[in-house]
Amino acid sequence: MELTKVESVKDELMTSNPEFRELAREHGRYEERLSELSALAYPSDEEQLEEVTLKKKKLALKDQMYSLMLQHEKTASTEH
C-alpha cells in the first residue's frame, strides 16, 4: 500500500474499528515506555529485558494492525 493510502485506511479504522483502535493505543503505550527505557544511561538487566520484550510485543501489534488494514482493503475492494 502506498503511504497516503495507508494513512487513509488507518484513519478510517481508528474511527470505525474498536479492535484496531485498541491495538493502536497499546502500540502507543509500548512506544512511550520504550522511549523512557532508551533514555536511561545505565539500564538494569530487568530494564534491558523489558525493552527487548516490548519491542517484540510492539512488532506483533503492528503485524495485527497491518493484517486488519489488509482485511479492510480486501473488503472495501470487493464492495465496489
C-alpha atoms as a PDB file:
ATOM      1  CA  MET A   1       0.000   0.000   0.000  1.00  0.00           C
ATOM      2  CA  GLU A   2       1.220   3.474  -0.762  1.00  0.00           C
ATOM      3  CA  LEU A   3       1.787   5.834   2.168  1.00  0.00           C
ATOM      4  CA  THR A   4      -1.242   8.090   1.609  1.00  0.00           C
ATOM      5  CA  LYS A   5      -3.466   5.029   1.255  1.00  0.00           C
ATOM      6  CA  VAL A   6      -2.035   3.547   4.467  1.00  0.00           C
ATOM      7  CA  GLU A   7      -2.778   6.726   6.400  1.00  0.00           C
ATOM      8  CA  SER A   8      -6.281   6.879   4.954  1.00  0.00           C
ATOM      9  CA  VAL A   9      -7.005   3.270   5.955  1.00  0.00           C
ATOM     10  CA  LYS A  10      -5.530   3.826   9.431  1.00  0.00           C
ATOM     11  CA  ASP A  11      -7.708   6.892   9.952  1.00  0.00           C
ATOM     12  CA  GLU A  12     -10.794   5.040   8.794  1.00  0.00           C
ATOM     13  CA  LEU A  13     -10.098   2.049  11.040  1.00  0.00           C
ATOM     14  CA  MET A  14      -9.336   4.279  14.037  1.00  0.00           C
ATOM     15  CA  THR A  15     -12.845   5.661  13.628  1.00  0.00           C
ATOM     16  CA  SER A  16     -14.742   2.506  12.743  1.00  0.00           C
ATOM     17  CA  ASN A  17     -12.919  -0.466  14.283  1.00  0.00           C
ATOM     18  CA  PRO A  18     -12.644  -0.768  18.102  1.00  0.00           C
ATOM     19  CA  GLU A  19     -10.133  -3.648  17.853  1.00  0.00           C
ATOM     20  CA  PHE A  20      -7.808  -1.598  15.641  1.00  0.00           C
ATOM     21  CA  ARG A  21      -8.211   1.409  17.935  1.00  0.00           C
ATOM     22  CA  GLU A  22      -7.206  -0.645  20.989  1.00  0.00           C
ATOM     23  CA  LEU A  23      -4.210  -2.149  19.171  1.00  0.00           C
ATOM     24  CA  ALA A  24      -3.085   1.350  18.183  1.00  0.00           C
ATOM     25  CA  ARG A  25      -3.433   2.611  21.769  1.00  0.00           C
ATOM     26  CA  GLU A  26      -1.427  -0.312  23.115  1.00  0.00           C
ATOM     27  CA  HIS A  27       1.210   0.226  20.405  1.00  0.00           C
ATOM     28  CA  GLY A  28       1.469   3.842  21.540  1.00  0.00           C
ATOM     29  CA  ARG A  29       1.870   2.836  25.183  1.00  0.00           C
ATOM     30  CA  TYR A  30       4.688   0.465  24.232  1.00  0.00           C
ATOM     31  CA  GLU A  31       6.341   3.200  22.174  1.00  0.00           C
ATOM     32  CA  GLU A  32       6.147   5.603  25.109  1.00  0.00           C
ATOM     33  CA  ARG A  33       7.697   3.089  27.519  1.00  0.00           C
ATOM     34  CA  LEU A  34      10.416   2.215  25.006  1.00  0.00           C
ATOM     35  CA  SER A  35      11.310   5.907  24.772  1.00  0.00           C
ATOM     36  CA  GLU A  36      11.635   6.037  28.552  1.00  0.00           C
ATOM     37  CA  LEU A  37      13.840   2.936  28.584  1.00  0.00           C
ATOM     38  CA  SER A  38      16.069   4.143  25.753  1.00  0.00           C
ATOM     39  CA  ALA A  39      16.675   7.400  27.628  1.00  0.00           C
ATOM     40  CA  LEU A  40      18.253   5.534  30.544  1.00  0.00           C
ATOM     41  CA  ALA A  41      22.015   5.885  30.645  1.00  0.00           C
ATOM     42  CA  TYR A  42      22.559   2.632  32.564  1.00  0.00           C
ATOM     43  CA  PRO A  43      19.528   0.355  32.281  1.00  0.00           C
ATOM     44  CA  SER A  44      19.377  -2.599  34.639  1.00  0.00           C
ATOM     45  CA  ASP A  45      19.179  -6.172  33.373  1.00  0.00           C
ATOM     46  CA  GLU A  46      15.427  -6.105  34.023  1.00  0.00           C
ATOM     47  CA  GLU A  47      15.020  -2.880  32.066  1.00  0.00           C
ATOM     48  CA  GLN A  48      17.041  -4.278  29.173  1.00  0.00           C
ATOM     49  CA  LEU A  49      14.870  -7.393  29.147  1.00  0.00           C
ATOM     50  CA  GLU A  50      11.729  -5.248  29.289  1.00  0.00           C
ATOM     51  CA  GLU A  51      12.976  -3.250  26.308  1.00  0.00           C
ATOM     52  CA  VAL A  52      13.546  -6.378  24.215  1.00  0.00           C
ATOM     53  CA  THR A  53      10.176  -7.812  25.227  1.00  0.00           C
ATOM     54  CA  LEU A  54       8.341  -4.570  24.451  1.00  0.00           C
ATOM     55  CA  LYS A  55       9.972  -4.345  21.027  1.00  0.00           C
ATOM     56  CA  LYS A  56       8.717  -7.839  20.207  1.00  0.00           C
ATOM     57  CA  LYS A  57       5.227  -7.093  21.527  1.00  0.00           C
ATOM     58  CA  LYS A  58       5.119  -3.805  19.631  1.00  0.00           C
ATOM     59  CA  LEU A  59       6.088  -5.556  16.408  1.00  0.00           C
ATOM     60  CA  ALA A  60       3.400  -8.206  16.962  1.00  0.00           C
ATOM     61  CA  LEU A  61       0.805  -5.440  17.436  1.00  0.00           C
ATOM     62  CA  LYS A  62       1.984  -3.746  14.259  1.00  0.00           C
ATOM     63  CA  ASP A  63       1.541  -7.037  12.395  1.00  0.00           C
ATOM     64  CA  GLN A  64      -2.000  -7.391  13.774  1.00  0.00           C
ATOM     65  CA  MET A  65      -2.818  -3.828  12.776  1.00  0.00           C
ATOM     66  CA  TYR A  66      -1.460  -4.385   9.274  1.00  0.00           C
ATOM     67  CA  SER A  67      -3.496  -7.565   8.956  1.00  0.00           C
ATOM     68  CA  LEU A  68      -6.659  -5.657   9.875  1.00  0.00           C
ATOM     69  CA  MET A  69      -5.743  -2.996   7.323  1.00  0.00           C
ATOM     70  CA  LEU A  70      -5.335  -5.620   4.593  1.00  0.00           C
ATOM     71  CA  GLN A  71      -8.666  -7.219   5.521  1.00  0.00           C
ATOM     72  CA  HIS A  72     -10.298  -3.804   5.378  1.00  0.00           C
ATOM     73  CA  GLU A  73      -8.799  -3.108   1.949  1.00  0.00           C
ATOM     74  CA  LYS A  74      -9.885  -6.519   0.665  1.00  0.00           C
ATOM     75  CA  THR A  75     -13.433  -5.956   1.931  1.00  0.00           C
ATOM     76  CA  ALA A  76     -13.540  -2.426   0.535  1.00  0.00           C
ATOM     77  CA  SER A  77     -12.342  -3.562  -2.899  1.00  0.00           C
ATOM     78  CA  THR A  78     -14.972  -6.336  -3.124  1.00  0.00           C
ATOM     79  CA  GLU A  79     -17.769  -3.931  -2.156  1.00  0.00           C
ATOM     80  CA  HIS A  80     -17.058  -1.610  -5.104  1.00  0.00           C
END
